[in-house]
Amino acid sequence: KIDVRILDGQVENMDEKMLMDTVREYQPNYVGVTCKTPMFTASQKVMKTVKENFPHIHTIIGGVHPTVLPDDTMKDKNIDFLVRGEGEETLYELIEAVSKDGPLNGIAGLTYRMGEHVVHNPDRPLPVELDDLPFPDMDTIPLDRYHQVPDAVFVEPIRVIITSRGCPYKC
């Protein structure tokens, strides 16, 4: 079991001081960021802040932007690891390997540095059965802080869960 804390910097309106206070209090071995292209600059800022203040923490980035542009993303030296594609298994295997000083070359979907060289392991196949993945633990997420758009017809907060992955036509 891996102890995880999820922070949503946008929802929490988190500034650099709040990030540093949280990292200092929690003392994680890893800080990971999910990233879509519009948030890439903000993701880089998080990684830079973490590395400048806590150089021993391993930084991990994943999401659409890093998956599509891994070489461009890895130009940022504050990023230690990049998880491409669906990250559940890759991320777990990465943390297991690093915590045991194990090899990284067998972890599908992982991009990392070997010295100054960037290594792209083979892609991980898409999960066939999404039902095999555990249901997300929503207890750690402050769901009451998420709000609908002002003109939404829902009185109570709603949660969105993605029930499929990718394009059915294998685009």
Protein backbone atom coordinates (compact mmCIF):
# COMPACT_ATOMS: atom_id res chain seq x y z
CA LYS A 1 0.00 0.00 0.00
CA ILE A 2 1.24 3.46 -0.89
CA ASP A 3 0.15 6.39 1.26
CA VAL A 4 -1.14 9.17 -1.02
CA ARG A 5 -2.31 12.74 -0.54
CA ILE A 6 -4.13 14.41 -3.41
CA LEU A 7 -4.01 18.18 -3.75
CA ASP A 8 -5.86 20.19 -6.35
CA GLY A 9 -3.94 23.45 -6.54
CA GLN A 10 -6.65 25.17 -8.53
CA VAL A 11 -9.49 24.24 -6.20
CA GLU A 12 -7.40 25.03 -3.13
CA ASN A 13 -6.16 28.28 -4.74
CA MET A 14 -2.72 27.10 -3.70
CA ASP A 15 0.21 29.47 -3.86
CA GLU A 16 3.90 28.61 -3.55
CA LYS A 17 3.95 29.06 0.24
CA MET A 18 0.96 26.73 0.71
CA LEU A 19 2.65 24.15 -1.52
CA MET A 20 5.87 24.33 0.47
CA ASP A 21 4.04 24.16 3.81
CA THR A 22 2.13 21.09 2.63
CA VAL A 23 5.26 19.34 1.35
CA ARG A 24 7.15 20.22 4.54
CA GLU A 25 4.32 18.85 6.71
CA TYR A 26 3.62 15.70 4.68
CA GLN A 27 7.27 14.91 3.80
CA PRO A 28 6.56 12.87 0.66
CA ASN A 29 9.16 10.89 -1.26
CA TYR A 30 7.40 11.78 -4.51
CA VAL A 31 5.47 14.74 -5.87
CA GLY A 32 3.44 14.03 -8.98
CA VAL A 33 1.53 16.39 -11.22
CA THR A 34 -1.03 15.61 -13.88
CA CYS A 35 -0.82 17.97 -16.80
CA LYS A 36 -2.86 19.08 -19.78
CA THR A 37 -1.19 21.54 -22.16
CA PRO A 38 -2.84 24.71 -20.78
CA MET A 39 -1.43 23.84 -17.34
CA PHE A 40 2.09 22.91 -18.44
CA THR A 41 3.68 26.16 -17.26
CA ALA A 42 1.99 25.86 -13.86
CA SER A 43 3.11 22.21 -13.63
CA GLN A 44 6.68 23.25 -14.37
CA LYS A 45 6.49 25.87 -11.61
CA VAL A 46 5.37 23.22 -9.10
CA MET A 47 8.24 20.92 -10.09
CA LYS A 48 10.78 23.75 -9.92
CA THR A 49 9.56 24.88 -6.51
CA VAL A 50 9.70 21.35 -5.14
CA LYS A 51 13.17 20.62 -6.54
CA GLU A 52 14.66 23.92 -5.38
CA ASN A 53 13.41 23.41 -1.83
CA PHE A 54 13.44 19.60 -1.53
CA PRO A 55 16.00 18.20 -4.02
CA HIS A 56 15.66 14.68 -2.57
CA ILE A 57 11.99 14.41 -3.58
CA HIS A 58 11.36 12.54 -6.83
CA THR A 59 9.17 14.52 -9.22
CA ILE A 60 6.77 12.79 -11.58
CA ILE A 61 4.60 14.23 -14.35
CA GLY A 62 1.84 12.54 -16.31
CA GLY A 63 -1.21 13.38 -18.34
CA VAL A 64 -2.03 14.27 -21.91
CA HIS A 65 0.69 16.88 -22.49
CA PRO A 66 3.62 14.73 -21.28
CA THR A 67 2.25 11.69 -23.09
CA VAL A 68 2.06 13.49 -26.43
CA LEU A 69 5.26 15.56 -25.98
CA PRO A 70 7.59 13.51 -23.76
CA ASP A 71 10.86 14.84 -25.22
CA ASP A 72 9.73 18.44 -24.92
CA THR A 73 8.47 17.83 -21.37
CA MET A 74 11.70 16.17 -20.26
CA LYS A 75 13.70 19.26 -21.28
CA ASP A 76 12.68 20.51 -17.84
CA LYS A 77 15.45 19.17 -15.58
CA ASN A 78 13.17 19.50 -12.54
CA ILE A 79 11.15 16.53 -13.80
CA ASP A 80 12.63 13.18 -12.80
CA PHE A 81 10.05 10.82 -14.28
CA LEU A 82 7.32 11.02 -16.91
CA VAL A 83 4.42 8.56 -16.96
CA ARG A 84 2.95 8.19 -20.45
CA GLY A 85 -0.56 7.01 -21.23
CA GLU A 86 -2.73 5.38 -18.60
CA GLY A 87 -0.68 5.73 -15.47
CA GLU A 88 -2.13 3.50 -12.77
CA GLU A 89 0.17 0.51 -13.26
CA THR A 90 3.19 2.49 -14.47
CA LEU A 91 3.12 4.81 -11.48
CA TYR A 92 2.77 1.93 -9.02
CA GLU A 93 5.64 0.01 -10.63
CA LEU A 94 7.81 3.15 -10.67
CA ILE A 95 7.34 3.81 -6.96
CA GLU A 96 7.97 0.15 -6.14
CA ALA A 97 11.17 0.12 -8.22
CA VAL A 98 12.57 3.41 -6.88
CA SER A 99 11.80 2.50 -3.26
CA LYS A 100 13.75 -0.77 -3.69
CA ASP A 101 16.52 0.69 -5.88
CA GLY A 102 15.27 -1.61 -8.61
CA PRO A 103 15.65 -1.30 -12.38
CA LEU A 104 13.48 1.10 -14.35
CA ASN A 105 14.03 -0.37 -17.81
CA GLY A 106 11.18 -2.90 -17.50
CA ILE A 107 8.47 -0.40 -16.57
CA ALA A 108 6.21 0.08 -19.59
CA GLY A 109 4.98 3.64 -20.19
CA LEU A 110 7.87 5.28 -18.30
CA THR A 111 10.24 8.01 -19.50
CA TYR A 112 13.24 8.89 -17.33
CA ARG A 113 16.81 10.14 -17.42
CA MET A 114 19.89 7.99 -17.45
CA GLY A 115 22.54 10.63 -16.91
CA GLU A 116 21.91 13.26 -19.57
CA HIS A 117 20.14 10.78 -21.87
CA VAL A 118 16.32 10.54 -21.87
CA VAL A 119 15.05 6.95 -21.97
CA HIS A 120 11.58 6.05 -23.29
CA ASN A 121 10.51 2.57 -22.26
CA PRO A 122 7.97 0.86 -24.55
CA ASP A 123 4.36 2.00 -24.27
CA ARG A 124 2.08 0.23 -21.85
CA PRO A 125 -0.89 -1.50 -23.50
CA LEU A 126 -4.24 0.03 -22.65
CA PRO A 127 -6.05 -1.73 -19.80
CA VAL A 128 -8.55 -4.17 -21.25
CA GLU A 129 -10.83 -4.38 -18.22
CA LEU A 130 -11.33 -1.06 -16.46
CA ASP A 131 -13.33 -2.94 -13.83
CA ASP A 132 -10.06 -4.52 -12.71
CA LEU A 133 -8.86 -1.11 -11.52
CA PRO A 134 -9.84 -0.18 -7.96
CA PHE A 135 -12.53 2.45 -7.50
CA PRO A 136 -10.98 5.83 -6.62
CA ASP A 137 -10.83 6.68 -2.91
CA MET A 138 -12.78 9.93 -2.84
CA ASP A 139 -12.38 10.36 0.94
CA THR A 140 -9.16 12.31 0.47
CA ILE A 141 -10.66 14.83 -1.95
CA PRO A 142 -12.58 17.86 -0.63
CA LEU A 143 -15.54 17.32 -2.95
CA ASP A 144 -17.52 20.14 -1.32
CA ARG A 145 -14.99 22.61 -2.75
CA TYR A 146 -15.87 21.70 -6.34
CA HIS A 147 -18.68 23.79 -7.80
CA GLN A 148 -20.77 23.66 -10.92
CA VAL A 149 -20.82 26.45 -13.44
CA PRO A 150 -23.14 29.28 -12.30
CA ASP A 151 -26.02 28.40 -14.65
CA ALA A 152 -26.07 24.67 -13.83
CA VAL A 153 -29.48 23.21 -13.04
CA PHE A 154 -28.14 20.94 -10.27
CA VAL A 155 -28.80 22.04 -6.71
CA GLU A 156 -26.51 19.46 -5.10
CA PRO A 157 -22.85 19.06 -6.10
CA ILE A 158 -22.25 16.33 -8.66
CA ARG A 159 -19.12 14.27 -9.34
CA VAL A 160 -17.83 13.29 -12.74
CA ILE A 161 -16.32 9.86 -13.29
CA ILE A 162 -14.82 8.80 -16.60
CA THR A 163 -16.29 5.38 -17.42
CA SER A 164 -14.23 4.58 -20.50
CA ARG A 165 -10.84 5.34 -21.95
CA GLY A 166 -9.79 6.53 -25.36
CA CYS A 167 -11.61 6.39 -28.64
CA PRO A 168 -13.69 3.32 -29.48
CA TYR A 169 -12.32 3.49 -33.02
CA LYS A 170 -8.67 3.26 -31.85
CA CYS A 171 -7.85 6.71 -33.17
